[in-house]
Structures are given as C-alpha cells and as structure tokens.
Amino acid sequence: MSDYIPADGTITMFSTTWCGYCQRLKKQLDKAGIGYTEINIEETPGTAELVESLNNGNQTVPTVLYPNGSSATNPSLADVQAALA
C-alpha cells in the first residue's frame, strides 16, 4: 500500500472506467483543483486485492488513499477536502 500513498495535498483514487461514482468524484476534484492519481483496479495488477483489503473484502470504488495513509470509500468532495485540510 505504501507505493500508493500520495504526496501532501493530493489523493490516490482507485477506480474503474465504468464507475459513475468515480467519474463524479473526478469531476468534482478537477473543479476544486485537488490533485489526484487515478489507478484503475481492472488494469493495475494487485490493486483490486488492495481495495478489497481496505473494504472488508469488497472491490468498492472509488476508494481513496490520503497522504496520512488513511482511506475512504466513495467519499464526497467535502470529505476529501476535510481530510486534506
């Protein structure tokens, strides 16, 4: 997991191409000017398992990692902003 911990002020977002919640969060992050690294769990080996380990066995996206190492599942923009404050 440490390979995916983002720099301060940014997040790592695990997603899929077909996830509507992921698309919505990306648009909100872009509008708010919050930087993120997106990782598609269907294309990056080992990341689906990482997401499962963070979500009690579920491959729920978006799953977000914060610079402090904490994570959130399907956070709102307000949740992300609060975590980065």
N, C-alpha and C. Protein backbone atom coordinates (compact mmCIF):
# COMPACT_ATOMS: atom_id res chain seq x y z
N MET A 1 0.82 -1.19 0.00
CA MET A 1 0.00 0.00 0.00
C MET A 1 0.87 1.25 0.00
N SER A 2 2.03 1.20 0.62
CA SER A 2 2.86 2.39 0.72
C SER A 2 3.26 2.94 -0.65
N ASP A 3 3.26 2.08 -1.67
CA ASP A 3 3.57 2.54 -3.03
C ASP A 3 2.52 3.52 -3.54
N TYR A 4 1.34 3.51 -2.96
CA TYR A 4 0.23 4.31 -3.46
C TYR A 4 -0.11 5.51 -2.58
N ILE A 5 0.64 5.71 -1.48
CA ILE A 5 0.38 6.85 -0.61
C ILE A 5 0.75 8.12 -1.38
N PRO A 6 -0.18 9.07 -1.49
CA PRO A 6 0.07 10.27 -2.30
C PRO A 6 0.88 11.34 -1.57
N ALA A 7 1.34 12.30 -2.34
CA ALA A 7 2.03 13.46 -1.77
C ALA A 7 1.03 14.32 -1.01
N ASP A 8 1.53 15.14 -0.11
CA ASP A 8 0.67 16.05 0.64
C ASP A 8 -0.18 16.89 -0.31
N GLY A 9 -1.44 17.06 0.05
CA GLY A 9 -2.35 17.88 -0.74
C GLY A 9 -2.99 17.18 -1.92
N THR A 10 -2.68 15.90 -2.11
CA THR A 10 -3.26 15.13 -3.20
C THR A 10 -3.82 13.82 -2.66
N ILE A 11 -4.49 13.08 -3.52
CA ILE A 11 -5.02 11.77 -3.15
C ILE A 11 -4.68 10.75 -4.22
N THR A 12 -4.77 9.50 -3.86
CA THR A 12 -4.75 8.40 -4.81
C THR A 12 -6.17 7.85 -4.85
N MET A 13 -6.73 7.73 -6.06
CA MET A 13 -8.09 7.24 -6.20
C MET A 13 -8.08 5.96 -7.02
N PHE A 14 -8.56 4.88 -6.41
CA PHE A 14 -8.71 3.61 -7.11
C PHE A 14 -10.10 3.61 -7.75
N SER A 15 -10.16 3.25 -9.03
CA SER A 15 -11.40 3.37 -9.78
C SER A 15 -11.50 2.29 -10.85
N THR A 16 -12.58 2.36 -11.62
CA THR A 16 -12.75 1.58 -12.85
C THR A 16 -13.26 2.55 -13.91
N THR A 17 -13.16 2.17 -15.15
CA THR A 17 -13.60 3.06 -16.23
C THR A 17 -15.12 3.23 -16.25
N TRP A 18 -15.86 2.24 -15.79
CA TRP A 18 -17.32 2.25 -15.89
C TRP A 18 -18.02 2.78 -14.64
N CYS A 19 -17.28 3.17 -13.61
CA CYS A 19 -17.86 3.58 -12.33
C CYS A 19 -18.36 5.02 -12.38
N GLY A 20 -19.66 5.20 -12.29
CA GLY A 20 -20.24 6.53 -12.30
C GLY A 20 -19.84 7.38 -11.10
N TYR A 21 -19.71 6.76 -9.93
CA TYR A 21 -19.29 7.49 -8.74
C TYR A 21 -17.85 7.98 -8.89
N CYS A 22 -17.02 7.20 -9.57
CA CYS A 22 -15.63 7.61 -9.82
C CYS A 22 -15.60 8.81 -10.75
N GLN A 23 -16.40 8.76 -11.81
CA GLN A 23 -16.46 9.87 -12.76
C GLN A 23 -16.91 11.15 -12.07
N ARG A 24 -17.92 11.04 -11.22
CA ARG A 24 -18.44 12.20 -10.49
C ARG A 24 -17.37 12.79 -9.58
N LEU A 25 -16.68 11.94 -8.82
CA LEU A 25 -15.66 12.44 -7.90
C LEU A 25 -14.51 13.09 -8.67
N LYS A 26 -14.10 12.50 -9.79
CA LYS A 26 -13.03 13.11 -10.60
C LYS A 26 -13.42 14.50 -11.07
N LYS A 27 -14.64 14.66 -11.55
CA LYS A 27 -15.10 15.98 -12.00
C LYS A 27 -15.09 16.98 -10.84
N GLN A 28 -15.53 16.55 -9.68
CA GLN A 28 -15.55 17.44 -8.52
C GLN A 28 -14.12 17.81 -8.09
N LEU A 29 -13.22 16.85 -8.10
CA LEU A 29 -11.83 17.12 -7.74
C LEU A 29 -11.20 18.09 -8.72
N ASP A 30 -11.46 17.87 -10.02
CA ASP A 30 -10.92 18.77 -11.04
C ASP A 30 -11.42 20.19 -10.82
N LYS A 31 -12.70 20.33 -10.57
CA LYS A 31 -13.30 21.65 -10.38
C LYS A 31 -12.74 22.34 -9.13
N ALA A 32 -12.48 21.55 -8.09
CA ALA A 32 -11.95 22.09 -6.83
C ALA A 32 -10.44 22.29 -6.87
N GLY A 33 -9.78 21.79 -7.92
CA GLY A 33 -8.34 21.95 -8.04
C GLY A 33 -7.54 21.02 -7.14
N ILE A 34 -8.12 19.89 -6.79
CA ILE A 34 -7.42 18.91 -5.95
C ILE A 34 -6.75 17.88 -6.85
N GLY A 35 -5.45 17.72 -6.66
CA GLY A 35 -4.69 16.78 -7.47
C GLY A 35 -4.94 15.34 -7.04
N TYR A 36 -4.92 14.45 -8.00
CA TYR A 36 -5.11 13.03 -7.69
C TYR A 36 -4.40 12.16 -8.72
N THR A 37 -4.05 10.98 -8.28
CA THR A 37 -3.54 9.94 -9.16
C THR A 37 -4.61 8.88 -9.23
N GLU A 38 -5.07 8.59 -10.44
CA GLU A 38 -6.12 7.58 -10.61
C GLU A 38 -5.49 6.26 -10.99
N ILE A 39 -5.93 5.20 -10.33
CA ILE A 39 -5.44 3.86 -10.61
C ILE A 39 -6.64 2.96 -10.89
N ASN A 40 -6.68 2.41 -12.09
CA ASN A 40 -7.77 1.52 -12.50
C ASN A 40 -7.49 0.13 -11.95
N ILE A 41 -8.37 -0.35 -11.07
CA ILE A 41 -8.13 -1.64 -10.42
C ILE A 41 -8.30 -2.82 -11.38
N GLU A 42 -8.89 -2.58 -12.54
CA GLU A 42 -9.04 -3.65 -13.52
C GLU A 42 -7.82 -3.75 -14.44
N GLU A 43 -6.94 -2.75 -14.38
CA GLU A 43 -5.77 -2.73 -15.27
C GLU A 43 -4.44 -2.81 -14.54
N THR A 44 -4.42 -2.52 -13.24
CA THR A 44 -3.17 -2.49 -12.49
C THR A 44 -3.12 -3.70 -11.55
N PRO A 45 -2.23 -4.65 -11.84
CA PRO A 45 -2.16 -5.87 -11.03
C PRO A 45 -1.98 -5.59 -9.54
N GLY A 46 -2.74 -6.33 -8.73
CA GLY A 46 -2.64 -6.25 -7.29
C GLY A 46 -3.50 -5.18 -6.64
N THR A 47 -4.00 -4.25 -7.43
CA THR A 47 -4.76 -3.15 -6.81
C THR A 47 -6.19 -3.55 -6.45
N ALA A 48 -6.79 -4.46 -7.18
CA ALA A 48 -8.13 -4.94 -6.80
C ALA A 48 -8.06 -5.60 -5.42
N GLU A 49 -7.01 -6.35 -5.19
CA GLU A 49 -6.82 -7.01 -3.89
C GLU A 49 -6.57 -5.97 -2.79
N LEU A 50 -5.83 -4.93 -3.12
CA LEU A 50 -5.59 -3.86 -2.15
C LEU A 50 -6.90 -3.19 -1.76
N VAL A 51 -7.72 -2.88 -2.76
CA VAL A 51 -9.01 -2.26 -2.50
C VAL A 51 -9.88 -3.21 -1.66
N GLU A 52 -9.86 -4.49 -1.96
CA GLU A 52 -10.60 -5.47 -1.15
C GLU A 52 -10.14 -5.43 0.30
N SER A 53 -8.83 -5.35 0.51
CA SER A 53 -8.30 -5.35 1.88
C SER A 53 -8.73 -4.10 2.65
N LEU A 54 -8.95 -3.01 1.95
CA LEU A 54 -9.38 -1.77 2.60
C LEU A 54 -10.88 -1.71 2.82
N ASN A 55 -11.64 -2.58 2.13
CA ASN A 55 -13.10 -2.52 2.14
C ASN A 55 -13.75 -3.84 2.56
N ASN A 56 -13.17 -4.49 3.54
CA ASN A 56 -13.76 -5.71 4.09
C ASN A 56 -14.10 -6.76 3.03
N GLY A 57 -13.20 -6.93 2.06
CA GLY A 57 -13.38 -7.95 1.04
C GLY A 57 -14.13 -7.50 -0.20
N ASN A 58 -14.53 -6.24 -0.26
CA ASN A 58 -15.28 -5.73 -1.41
C ASN A 58 -14.39 -4.87 -2.32
N GLN A 59 -14.60 -4.99 -3.61
CA GLN A 59 -13.88 -4.16 -4.58
C GLN A 59 -14.68 -2.88 -4.85
N THR A 60 -14.91 -2.10 -3.81
CA THR A 60 -15.73 -0.90 -3.92
C THR A 60 -14.87 0.28 -4.37
N VAL A 61 -15.34 0.95 -5.42
CA VAL A 61 -14.67 2.14 -5.91
C VAL A 61 -15.68 3.28 -6.02
N PRO A 62 -15.25 4.53 -5.89
CA PRO A 62 -13.87 4.90 -5.66
C PRO A 62 -13.43 4.65 -4.21
N THR A 63 -12.22 4.16 -4.09
CA THR A 63 -11.55 4.09 -2.80
C THR A 63 -10.39 5.07 -2.88
N VAL A 64 -10.27 5.90 -1.87
CA VAL A 64 -9.30 6.98 -1.86
C VAL A 64 -8.28 6.75 -0.75
N LEU A 65 -7.00 6.98 -1.08
CA LEU A 65 -5.94 6.98 -0.08
C LEU A 65 -5.49 8.42 0.12
N TYR A 66 -5.28 8.79 1.38
CA TYR A 66 -4.83 10.12 1.73
C TYR A 66 -3.34 10.09 2.10
N PRO A 67 -2.70 11.25 2.12
CA PRO A 67 -1.27 11.31 2.44
C PRO A 67 -0.91 10.73 3.81
N ASN A 68 -1.83 10.76 4.76
CA ASN A 68 -1.53 10.21 6.09
C ASN A 68 -1.70 8.69 6.16
N GLY A 69 -2.05 8.07 5.02
CA GLY A 69 -2.20 6.61 4.98
C GLY A 69 -3.61 6.12 5.24
N SER A 70 -4.51 7.01 5.61
CA SER A 70 -5.90 6.59 5.83
C SER A 70 -6.61 6.44 4.48
N SER A 71 -7.77 5.81 4.51
CA SER A 71 -8.53 5.60 3.27
C SER A 71 -10.00 5.90 3.50
N ALA A 72 -10.71 6.08 2.39
CA ALA A 72 -12.15 6.30 2.43
C ALA A 72 -12.77 5.66 1.21
N THR A 73 -13.98 5.16 1.38
CA THR A 73 -14.71 4.55 0.28
C THR A 73 -15.83 5.47 -0.15
N ASN A 74 -15.85 5.79 -1.44
CA ASN A 74 -16.85 6.67 -2.03
C ASN A 74 -17.04 7.96 -1.24
N PRO A 75 -15.93 8.68 -0.98
CA PRO A 75 -16.06 9.92 -0.21
C PRO A 75 -16.69 11.03 -1.04
N SER A 76 -17.29 11.98 -0.36
CA SER A 76 -17.79 13.18 -1.02
C SER A 76 -16.61 14.14 -1.20
N LEU A 77 -16.81 15.16 -2.02
CA LEU A 77 -15.78 16.19 -2.17
C LEU A 77 -15.49 16.83 -0.82
N ALA A 78 -16.54 17.09 -0.04
CA ALA A 78 -16.34 17.69 1.28
C ALA A 78 -15.50 16.80 2.19
N ASP A 79 -15.69 15.48 2.10
CA ASP A 79 -14.90 14.53 2.88
C ASP A 79 -13.41 14.63 2.49
N VAL A 80 -13.16 14.68 1.19
CA VAL A 80 -11.78 14.76 0.70
C VAL A 80 -11.16 16.08 1.15
N GLN A 81 -11.88 17.18 0.98
CA GLN A 81 -11.35 18.48 1.39
C GLN A 81 -11.03 18.50 2.89
N ALA A 82 -11.91 17.93 3.71
CA ALA A 82 -11.69 17.90 5.14
C ALA A 82 -10.46 17.05 5.49
N ALA A 83 -10.30 15.92 4.81
CA ALA A 83 -9.17 15.04 5.10
C ALA A 83 -7.84 15.67 4.69
N LEU A 84 -7.87 16.53 3.68
CA LEU A 84 -6.64 17.17 3.21
C LEU A 84 -6.34 18.48 3.94
N ALA A 85 -7.30 18.96 4.74
CA ALA A 85 -7.12 20.26 5.43
C ALA A 85 -6.12 20.14 6.58
